[in-house]
Amino acid sequence: MDDSDYKQAEIDDGDAITAFTRDISAQAQELVLTHNGATVGAILTQAQYQWFLDQLDQADIPDYLADRANDEADAISLDALKKELGQ
């Protein structure tokens, strides 16, 4: 399996997402999830997720993280996201 085949998938392409997650331990790149050309999320590999956690551990920005944890200005509910995606 070539990793570049799974670098990006439309959010409703269940086959591509399932294939990526089935073999995620062998993946070298994240799977970027899109909807109508816009990025809506990503599935990270273990190495990428660990890197992300390490960055949080090393960051000296507790006030920023606390502020973002309670920031709902640009947030939408799961139900609203489902409606937006037509599900």
PDB file of N, CA and C in Angstrom:
ATOM      1  N   MET A   1       0.832  -1.176   0.000  1.00  0.00           N
ATOM      2  CA  MET A   1       0.000   0.000   0.000  1.00  0.00           C
ATOM      3  C   MET A   1       0.879   1.243   0.000  1.00  0.00           C
ATOM      4  N   ASP A   2       0.632   2.161  -0.863  1.00  0.00           N
ATOM      5  CA  ASP A   2       1.377   3.404  -0.937  1.00  0.00           C
ATOM      6  C   ASP A   2       0.700   4.427  -0.043  1.00  0.00           C
ATOM      7  N   ASP A   3       1.456   5.021   0.889  1.00  0.00           N
ATOM      8  CA  ASP A   3       0.877   5.986   1.822  1.00  0.00           C
ATOM      9  C   ASP A   3       0.230   7.171   1.117  1.00  0.00           C
ATOM     10  N   SER A   4       0.798   7.580  -0.027  1.00  0.00           N
ATOM     11  CA  SER A   4       0.256   8.746  -0.706  1.00  0.00           C
ATOM     12  C   SER A   4      -1.176   8.504  -1.179  1.00  0.00           C
ATOM     13  N   ASP A   5      -1.566   7.232  -1.363  1.00  0.00           N
ATOM     14  CA  ASP A   5      -2.941   6.931  -1.749  1.00  0.00           C
ATOM     15  C   ASP A   5      -3.932   7.295  -0.650  1.00  0.00           C
ATOM     16  N   TYR A   6      -3.450   7.411   0.577  1.00  0.00           N
ATOM     17  CA  TYR A   6      -4.339   7.640   1.711  1.00  0.00           C
ATOM     18  C   TYR A   6      -4.078   8.962   2.399  1.00  0.00           C
ATOM     19  N   LYS A   7      -3.441   9.881   1.697  1.00  0.00           N
ATOM     20  CA  LYS A   7      -3.141  11.177   2.292  1.00  0.00           C
ATOM     21  C   LYS A   7      -4.389  12.031   2.450  1.00  0.00           C
ATOM     22  N   GLN A   8      -5.370  11.839   1.594  1.00  0.00           N
ATOM     23  CA  GLN A   8      -6.586  12.643   1.649  1.00  0.00           C
ATOM     24  C   GLN A   8      -7.769  11.800   1.214  1.00  0.00           C
ATOM     25  N   ALA A   9      -8.903  11.976   1.887  1.00  0.00           N
ATOM     26  CA  ALA A   9     -10.122  11.261   1.508  1.00  0.00           C
ATOM     27  C   ALA A   9     -11.328  12.125   1.823  1.00  0.00           C
ATOM     28  N   GLU A  10     -12.321  12.052   0.975  1.00  0.00           N
ATOM     29  CA  GLU A  10     -13.581  12.735   1.256  1.00  0.00           C
ATOM     30  C   GLU A  10     -14.219  12.074   2.475  1.00  0.00           C
ATOM     31  N   ILE A  11     -14.852  12.856   3.311  1.00  0.00           N
ATOM     32  CA  ILE A  11     -15.420  12.374   4.571  1.00  0.00           C
ATOM     33  C   ILE A  11     -16.423  11.245   4.351  1.00  0.00           C
ATOM     34  N   ASP A  12     -17.068  11.210   3.190  1.00  0.00           N
ATOM     35  CA  ASP A  12     -18.050  10.154   2.936  1.00  0.00           C
ATOM     36  C   ASP A  12     -17.466   8.955   2.186  1.00  0.00           C
ATOM     37  N   ASP A  13     -16.142   8.925   2.015  1.00  0.00           N
ATOM     38  CA  ASP A  13     -15.473   7.787   1.372  1.00  0.00           C
ATOM     39  C   ASP A  13     -15.102   6.764   2.445  1.00  0.00           C
ATOM     40  N   GLY A  14     -16.110   6.057   2.908  1.00  0.00           N
ATOM     41  CA  GLY A  14     -15.934   5.093   3.989  1.00  0.00           C
ATOM     42  C   GLY A  14     -14.927   4.008   3.681  1.00  0.00           C
ATOM     43  N   ASP A  15     -14.854   3.574   2.430  1.00  0.00           N
ATOM     44  CA  ASP A  15     -13.909   2.520   2.062  1.00  0.00           C
ATOM     45  C   ASP A  15     -12.463   2.970   2.262  1.00  0.00           C
ATOM     46  N   ALA A  16     -12.139   4.193   1.832  1.00  0.00           N
ATOM     47  CA  ALA A  16     -10.778   4.712   1.983  1.00  0.00           C
ATOM     48  C   ALA A  16     -10.437   4.915   3.456  1.00  0.00           C
ATOM     49  N   ILE A  17     -11.376   5.420   4.225  1.00  0.00           N
ATOM     50  CA  ILE A  17     -11.143   5.658   5.650  1.00  0.00           C
ATOM     51  C   ILE A  17     -10.973   4.338   6.386  1.00  0.00           C
ATOM     52  N   THR A  18     -11.816   3.364   6.076  1.00  0.00           N
ATOM     53  CA  THR A  18     -11.707   2.048   6.703  1.00  0.00           C
ATOM     54  C   THR A  18     -10.380   1.386   6.367  1.00  0.00           C
ATOM     55  N   ALA A  19      -9.973   1.456   5.111  1.00  0.00           N
ATOM     56  CA  ALA A  19      -8.698   0.858   4.707  1.00  0.00           C
ATOM     57  C   ALA A  19      -7.532   1.524   5.432  1.00  0.00           C
ATOM     58  N   PHE A  20      -7.588   2.833   5.570  1.00  0.00           N
ATOM     59  CA  PHE A  20      -6.516   3.556   6.264  1.00  0.00           C
ATOM     60  C   PHE A  20      -6.460   3.158   7.730  1.00  0.00           C
ATOM     61  N   THR A  21      -7.601   3.165   8.400  1.00  0.00           N
ATOM     62  CA  THR A  21      -7.606   2.860   9.833  1.00  0.00           C
ATOM     63  C   THR A  21      -7.280   1.395  10.091  1.00  0.00           C
ATOM     64  N   ARG A  22      -7.637   0.512   9.181  1.00  0.00           N
ATOM     65  CA  ARG A  22      -7.324  -0.904   9.346  1.00  0.00           C
ATOM     66  C   ARG A  22      -5.816  -1.103   9.401  1.00  0.00           C
ATOM     67  N   ASP A  23      -5.085  -0.343   8.607  1.00  0.00           N
ATOM     68  CA  ASP A  23      -3.640  -0.489   8.516  1.00  0.00           C
ATOM     69  C   ASP A  23      -2.894   0.712   9.112  1.00  0.00           C
ATOM     70  N   ILE A  24      -3.505   1.392  10.072  1.00  0.00           N
ATOM     71  CA  ILE A  24      -2.917   2.639  10.569  1.00  0.00           C
ATOM     72  C   ILE A  24      -1.534   2.446  11.174  1.00  0.00           C
ATOM     73  N   SER A  25      -1.249   1.285  11.736  1.00  0.00           N
ATOM     74  CA  SER A  25       0.074   1.077  12.330  1.00  0.00           C
ATOM     75  C   SER A  25       1.173   1.099  11.274  1.00  0.00           C
ATOM     76  N   ALA A  26       0.821   0.884  10.018  1.00  0.00           N
ATOM     77  CA  ALA A  26       1.807   0.898   8.936  1.00  0.00           C
ATOM     78  C   ALA A  26       1.839   2.244   8.196  1.00  0.00           C
ATOM     79  N   GLN A  27       0.980   3.168   8.587  1.00  0.00           N
ATOM     80  CA  GLN A  27       0.898   4.444   7.881  1.00  0.00           C
ATOM     81  C   GLN A  27       2.012   5.387   8.322  1.00  0.00           C
ATOM     82  N   ALA A  28       2.542   6.152   7.390  1.00  0.00           N
ATOM     83  CA  ALA A  28       3.581   7.131   7.691  1.00  0.00           C
ATOM     84  C   ALA A  28       3.022   8.548   7.694  1.00  0.00           C
ATOM     85  N   GLN A  29       1.830   8.733   7.125  1.00  0.00           N
ATOM     86  CA  GLN A  29       1.239  10.063   7.022  1.00  0.00           C
ATOM     87  C   GLN A  29      -0.180  10.036   7.574  1.00  0.00           C
ATOM     88  N   GLU A  30      -0.649  11.213   7.956  1.00  0.00           N
ATOM     89  CA  GLU A  30      -2.028  11.332   8.408  1.00  0.00           C
ATOM     90  C   GLU A  30      -2.981  11.193   7.225  1.00  0.00           C
ATOM     91  N   LEU A  31      -4.217  10.910   7.549  1.00  0.00           N
ATOM     92  CA  LEU A  31      -5.268  10.923   6.534  1.00  0.00           C
ATOM     93  C   LEU A  31      -6.057  12.205   6.747  1.00  0.00           C
ATOM     94  N   VAL A  32      -6.008  13.098   5.780  1.00  0.00           N
ATOM     95  CA  VAL A  32      -6.737  14.357   5.857  1.00  0.00           C
ATOM     96  C   VAL A  32      -8.143  14.114   5.341  1.00  0.00           C
ATOM     97  N   LEU A  33      -9.127  14.473   6.153  1.00  0.00           N
ATOM     98  CA  LEU A  33     -10.524  14.276   5.776  1.00  0.00           C
ATOM     99  C   LEU A  33     -11.075  15.582   5.221  1.00  0.00           C
ATOM    100  N   THR A  34     -11.709  15.486   4.062  1.00  0.00           N
ATOM    101  CA  THR A  34     -12.255  16.676   3.426  1.00  0.00           C
ATOM    102  C   THR A  34     -13.744  16.502   3.151  1.00  0.00           C
ATOM    103  N   HIS A  35     -14.397  17.625   2.956  1.00  0.00           N
ATOM    104  CA  HIS A  35     -15.800  17.634   2.535  1.00  0.00           C
ATOM    105  C   HIS A  35     -15.953  18.779   1.551  1.00  0.00           C
ATOM    106  N   ASN A  36     -16.283  18.439   0.323  1.00  0.00           N
ATOM    107  CA  ASN A  36     -16.408  19.422  -0.755  1.00  0.00           C
ATOM    108  C   ASN A  36     -15.146  20.267  -0.892  1.00  0.00           C
ATOM    109  N   GLY A  37     -13.992  19.628  -0.749  1.00  0.00           N
ATOM    110  CA  GLY A  37     -12.724  20.316  -0.933  1.00  0.00           C
ATOM    111  C   GLY A  37     -12.167  21.027   0.288  1.00  0.00           C
ATOM    112  N   ALA A  38     -12.946  21.118   1.359  1.00  0.00           N
ATOM    113  CA  ALA A  38     -12.481  21.788   2.578  1.00  0.00           C
ATOM    114  C   ALA A  38     -12.066  20.744   3.612  1.00  0.00           C
ATOM    115  N   THR A  39     -10.975  21.001   4.298  1.00  0.00           N
ATOM    116  CA  THR A  39     -10.511  20.087   5.326  1.00  0.00           C
ATOM    117  C   THR A  39     -11.432  20.167   6.537  1.00  0.00           C
ATOM    118  N   VAL A  40     -11.898  18.999   6.997  1.00  0.00           N
ATOM    119  CA  VAL A  40     -12.788  18.955   8.162  1.00  0.00           C
ATOM    120  C   VAL A  40     -12.180  18.164   9.318  1.00  0.00           C
ATOM    121  N   GLY A  41     -11.048  17.513   9.087  1.00  0.00           N
ATOM    122  CA  GLY A  41     -10.420  16.748  10.153  1.00  0.00           C
ATOM    123  C   GLY A  41      -9.254  15.946   9.626  1.00  0.00           C
ATOM    124  N   ALA A  42      -8.674  15.148  10.517  1.00  0.00           N
ATOM    125  CA  ALA A  42      -7.554  14.296  10.132  1.00  0.00           C
ATOM    126  C   ALA A  42      -7.458  13.126  11.095  1.00  0.00           C
ATOM    127  N   ILE A  43      -6.944  12.023  10.599  1.00  0.00           N
ATOM    128  CA  ILE A  43      -6.634  10.871  11.439  1.00  0.00           C
ATOM    129  C   ILE A  43      -5.118  10.805  11.500  1.00  0.00           C
ATOM    130  N   LEU A  44      -4.571  10.970  12.712  1.00  0.00           N
ATOM    131  CA  LEU A  44      -3.127  11.004  12.895  1.00  0.00           C
ATOM    132  C   LEU A  44      -2.558   9.616  13.110  1.00  0.00           C
ATOM    133  N   THR A  45      -1.301   9.444  12.723  1.00  0.00           N
ATOM    134  CA  THR A  45      -0.585   8.218  13.044  1.00  0.00           C
ATOM    135  C   THR A  45      -0.140   8.298  14.501  1.00  0.00           C
ATOM    136  N   GLN A  46       0.310   7.190  15.049  1.00  0.00           N
ATOM    137  CA  GLN A  46       0.773   7.179  16.435  1.00  0.00           C
ATOM    138  C   GLN A  46       1.915   8.167  16.632  1.00  0.00           C
ATOM    139  N   ALA A  47       2.872   8.184  15.712  1.00  0.00           N
ATOM    140  CA  ALA A  47       4.021   9.081  15.830  1.00  0.00           C
ATOM    141  C   ALA A  47       3.586  10.545  15.812  1.00  0.00           C
ATOM    142  N   GLN A  48       2.639  10.879  14.941  1.00  0.00           N
ATOM    143  CA  GLN A  48       2.159  12.255  14.869  1.00  0.00           C
ATOM    144  C   GLN A  48       1.410  12.640  16.137  1.00  0.00           C
ATOM    145  N   TYR A  49       0.594  11.746  16.647  1.00  0.00           N
ATOM    146  CA  TYR A  49      -0.160  12.034  17.867  1.00  0.00           C
ATOM    147  C   TYR A  49       0.786  12.203  19.051  1.00  0.00           C
ATOM    148  N   GLN A  50       1.801  11.344  19.134  1.00  0.00           N
ATOM    149  CA  GLN A  50       2.772  11.463  20.221  1.00  0.00           C
ATOM    150  C   GLN A  50       3.530  12.779  20.117  1.00  0.00           C
ATOM    151  N   TRP A  51       3.889  13.185  18.892  1.00  0.00           N
ATOM    152  CA  TRP A  51       4.554  14.472  18.682  1.00  0.00           C
ATOM    153  C   TRP A  51       3.663  15.603  19.183  1.00  0.00           C
ATOM    154  N   PHE A  52       2.386  15.548  18.844  1.00  0.00           N
ATOM    155  CA  PHE A  52       1.432  16.565  19.269  1.00  0.00           C
ATOM    156  C   PHE A  52       1.363  16.640  20.794  1.00  0.00           C
ATOM    157  N   LEU A  53       1.278  15.474  21.449  1.00  0.00           N
ATOM    158  CA  LEU A  53       1.236  15.458  22.909  1.00  0.00           C
ATOM    159  C   LEU A  53       2.522  16.004  23.506  1.00  0.00           C
ATOM    160  N   ASP A  54       3.655  15.668  22.904  1.00  0.00           N
ATOM    161  CA  ASP A  54       4.937  16.191  23.377  1.00  0.00           C
ATOM    162  C   ASP A  54       4.984  17.710  23.268  1.00  0.00           C
ATOM    163  N   GLN A  55       4.432  18.250  22.180  1.00  0.00           N
ATOM    164  CA  GLN A  55       4.407  19.708  22.013  1.00  0.00           C
ATOM    165  C   GLN A  55       3.555  20.362  23.095  1.00  0.00           C
ATOM    166  N   LEU A  56       2.439  19.742  23.427  1.00  0.00           N
ATOM    167  CA  LEU A  56       1.602  20.281  24.497  1.00  0.00           C
ATOM    168  C   LEU A  56       2.317  20.234  25.839  1.00  0.00           C
ATOM    169  N   ASP A  57       3.025  19.126  26.083  1.00  0.00           N
ATOM    170  CA  ASP A  57       3.763  18.990  27.335  1.00  0.00           C
ATOM    171  C   ASP A  57       4.864  20.032  27.454  1.00  0.00           C
ATOM    172  N   GLN A  58       5.501  20.375  26.345  1.00  0.00           N
ATOM    173  CA  GLN A  58       6.609  21.322  26.357  1.00  0.00           C
ATOM    174  C   GLN A  58       6.146  22.773  26.328  1.00  0.00           C
ATOM    175  N   ALA A  59       4.922  23.000  25.935  1.00  0.00           N
ATOM    176  CA  ALA A  59       4.415  24.365  25.797  1.00  0.00           C
ATOM    177  C   ALA A  59       4.149  24.964  27.164  1.00  0.00           C
ATOM    178  N   ASP A  60       4.505  26.207  27.300  1.00  0.00           N
ATOM    179  CA  ASP A  60       4.263  26.922  28.544  1.00  0.00           C
ATOM    180  C   ASP A  60       3.128  27.919  28.316  1.00  0.00           C
ATOM    181  N   ILE A  61       1.996  27.376  27.936  1.00  0.00           N
ATOM    182  CA  ILE A  61       0.863  28.244  27.602  1.00  0.00           C
ATOM    183  C   ILE A  61      -0.423  27.761  28.276  1.00  0.00           C
ATOM    184  N   PRO A  62      -0.396  27.515  29.578  1.00  0.00           N
ATOM    185  CA  PRO A  62      -1.604  26.980  30.229  1.00  0.00           C
ATOM    186  C   PRO A  62      -2.811  27.912  30.121  1.00  0.00           C
ATOM    187  N   ASP A  63      -2.575  29.227  30.164  1.00  0.00           N
ATOM    188  CA  ASP A  63      -3.708  30.163  30.053  1.00  0.00           C
ATOM    189  C   ASP A  63      -4.357  30.069  28.678  1.00  0.00           C
ATOM    190  N   TYR A  64      -3.515  29.945  27.626  1.00  0.00           N
ATOM    191  CA  TYR A  64      -4.043  29.822  26.275  1.00  0.00           C
ATOM    192  C   TYR A  64      -4.865  28.550  26.134  1.00  0.00           C
ATOM    193  N   LEU A  65      -4.335  27.437  26.645  1.00  0.00           N
ATOM    194  CA  LEU A  65      -5.062  26.168  26.559  1.00  0.00           C
ATOM    195  C   LEU A  65      -6.366  26.234  27.337  1.00  0.00           C
ATOM    196  N   ALA A  66      -6.340  26.846  28.506  1.00  0.00           N
ATOM    197  CA  ALA A  66      -7.559  26.981  29.306  1.00  0.00           C
ATOM    198  C   ALA A  66      -8.584  27.837  28.573  1.00  0.00           C
ATOM    199  N   ASP A  67      -8.121  28.927  27.961  1.00  0.00           N
ATOM    200  CA  ASP A  67      -9.029  29.785  27.199  1.00  0.00           C
ATOM    201  C   ASP A  67      -9.637  29.032  26.019  1.00  0.00           C
ATOM    202  N   ARG A  68      -8.810  28.269  25.291  1.00  0.00           N
ATOM    203  CA  ARG A  68      -9.302  27.525  24.130  1.00  0.00           C
ATOM    204  C   ARG A  68     -10.260  26.406  24.538  1.00  0.00           C
ATOM    205  N   ALA A  69     -10.040  25.818  25.702  1.00  0.00           N
ATOM    206  CA  ALA A  69     -10.903  24.728  26.163  1.00  0.00           C
ATOM    207  C   ALA A  69     -12.334  25.210  26.364  1.00  0.00           C
ATOM    208  N   ASN A  70     -12.489  26.484  26.684  1.00  0.00           N
ATOM    209  CA  ASN A  70     -13.819  27.036  26.938  1.00  0.00           C
ATOM    210  C   ASN A  70     -14.309  27.941  25.808  1.00  0.00           C
ATOM    211  N   ASP A  71     -13.568  27.988  24.707  1.00  0.00           N
ATOM    212  CA  ASP A  71     -13.913  28.855  23.586  1.00  0.00           C
ATOM    213  C   ASP A  71     -14.931  28.157  22.696  1.00  0.00           C
ATOM    214  N   GLU A  72     -16.120  28.682  22.663  1.00  0.00           N
ATOM    215  CA  GLU A  72     -17.168  28.088  21.839  1.00  0.00           C
ATOM    216  C   GLU A  72     -17.581  29.002  20.693  1.00  0.00           C
ATOM    217  N   ALA A  73     -16.810  30.060  20.465  1.00  0.00           N
ATOM    218  CA  ALA A  73     -17.179  31.047  19.451  1.00  0.00           C
ATOM    219  C   ALA A  73     -17.313  30.429  18.060  1.00  0.00           C
ATOM    220  N   ASP A  74     -16.387  29.574  17.689  1.00  0.00           N
ATOM    221  CA  ASP A  74     -16.421  28.970  16.353  1.00  0.00           C
ATOM    222  C   ASP A  74     -16.854  27.518  16.384  1.00  0.00           C
ATOM    223  N   ALA A  75     -17.303  27.041  17.537  1.00  0.00           N
ATOM    224  CA  ALA A  75     -17.683  25.639  17.680  1.00  0.00           C
ATOM    225  C   ALA A  75     -19.121  25.417  17.216  1.00  0.00           C
ATOM    226  N   ILE A  76     -19.359  24.192  16.740  1.00  0.00           N
ATOM    227  CA  ILE A  76     -20.723  23.790  16.426  1.00  0.00           C
ATOM    228  C   ILE A  76     -20.951  22.430  17.071  1.00  0.00           C
ATOM    229  N   SER A  77     -22.199  22.103  17.277  1.00  0.00           N
ATOM    230  CA  SER A  77     -22.527  20.828  17.902  1.00  0.00           C
ATOM    231  C   SER A  77     -22.339  19.693  16.903  1.00  0.00           C
ATOM    232  N   LEU A  78     -22.261  18.480  17.424  1.00  0.00           N
ATOM    233  CA  LEU A  78     -22.141  17.310  16.557  1.00  0.00           C
ATOM    234  C   LEU A  78     -23.355  17.198  15.645  1.00  0.00           C
ATOM    235  N   ASP A  79     -24.546  17.471  16.176  1.00  0.00           N
ATOM    236  CA  ASP A  79     -25.755  17.414  15.346  1.00  0.00           C
ATOM    237  C   ASP A  79     -25.697  18.435  14.209  1.00  0.00           C
ATOM    238  N   ALA A  80     -25.190  19.637  14.506  1.00  0.00           N
ATOM    239  CA  ALA A  80     -25.077  20.652  13.470  1.00  0.00           C
ATOM    240  C   ALA A  80     -24.067  20.239  12.406  1.00  0.00           C
ATOM    241  N   LEU A  81     -22.971  19.619  12.835  1.00  0.00           N
ATOM    242  CA  LEU A  81     -21.976  19.142  11.872  1.00  0.00           C
ATOM    243  C   LEU A  81     -22.561  18.066  10.971  1.00  0.00           C
ATOM    244  N   LYS A  82     -23.331  17.144  11.560  1.00  0.00           N
ATOM    245  CA  LYS A  82     -23.967  16.091  10.773  1.00  0.00           C
ATOM    246  C   LYS A  82     -24.913  16.700   9.739  1.00  0.00           C
ATOM    247  N   LYS A  83     -25.693  17.691  10.154  1.00  0.00           N
ATOM    248  CA  LYS A  83     -26.607  18.344   9.213  1.00  0.00           C
ATOM    249  C   LYS A  83     -25.830  19.028   8.093  1.00  0.00           C
ATOM    250  N   GLU A  84     -24.710  19.677   8.466  1.00  0.00           N
ATOM    251  CA  GLU A  84     -23.876  20.361   7.483  1.00  0.00           C
ATOM    252  C   GLU A  84     -23.302  19.378   6.469  1.00  0.00           C
ATOM    253  N   LEU A  85     -22.961  18.183   6.944  1.00  0.00           N
ATOM    254  CA  LEU A  85     -22.417  17.159   6.061  1.00  0.00           C
ATOM    255  C   LEU A  85     -23.500  16.356   5.362  1.00  0.00           C
ATOM    256  N   GLY A  86     -24.760  16.644   5.675  1.00  0.00           N
ATOM    257  CA  GLY A  86     -25.865  15.975   5.004  1.00  0.00           C
ATOM    258  C   GLY A  86     -26.145  14.583   5.498  1.00  0.00           C
ATOM    259  N   GLN A  87     -25.874  14.333   6.776  1.00  0.00           N
ATOM    260  CA  GLN A  87     -26.105  13.002   7.336  1.00  0.00           C
ATOM    261  C   GLN A  87     -27.290  13.008   8.265  1.00  0.00           C
TER     262      GLN A  87
END
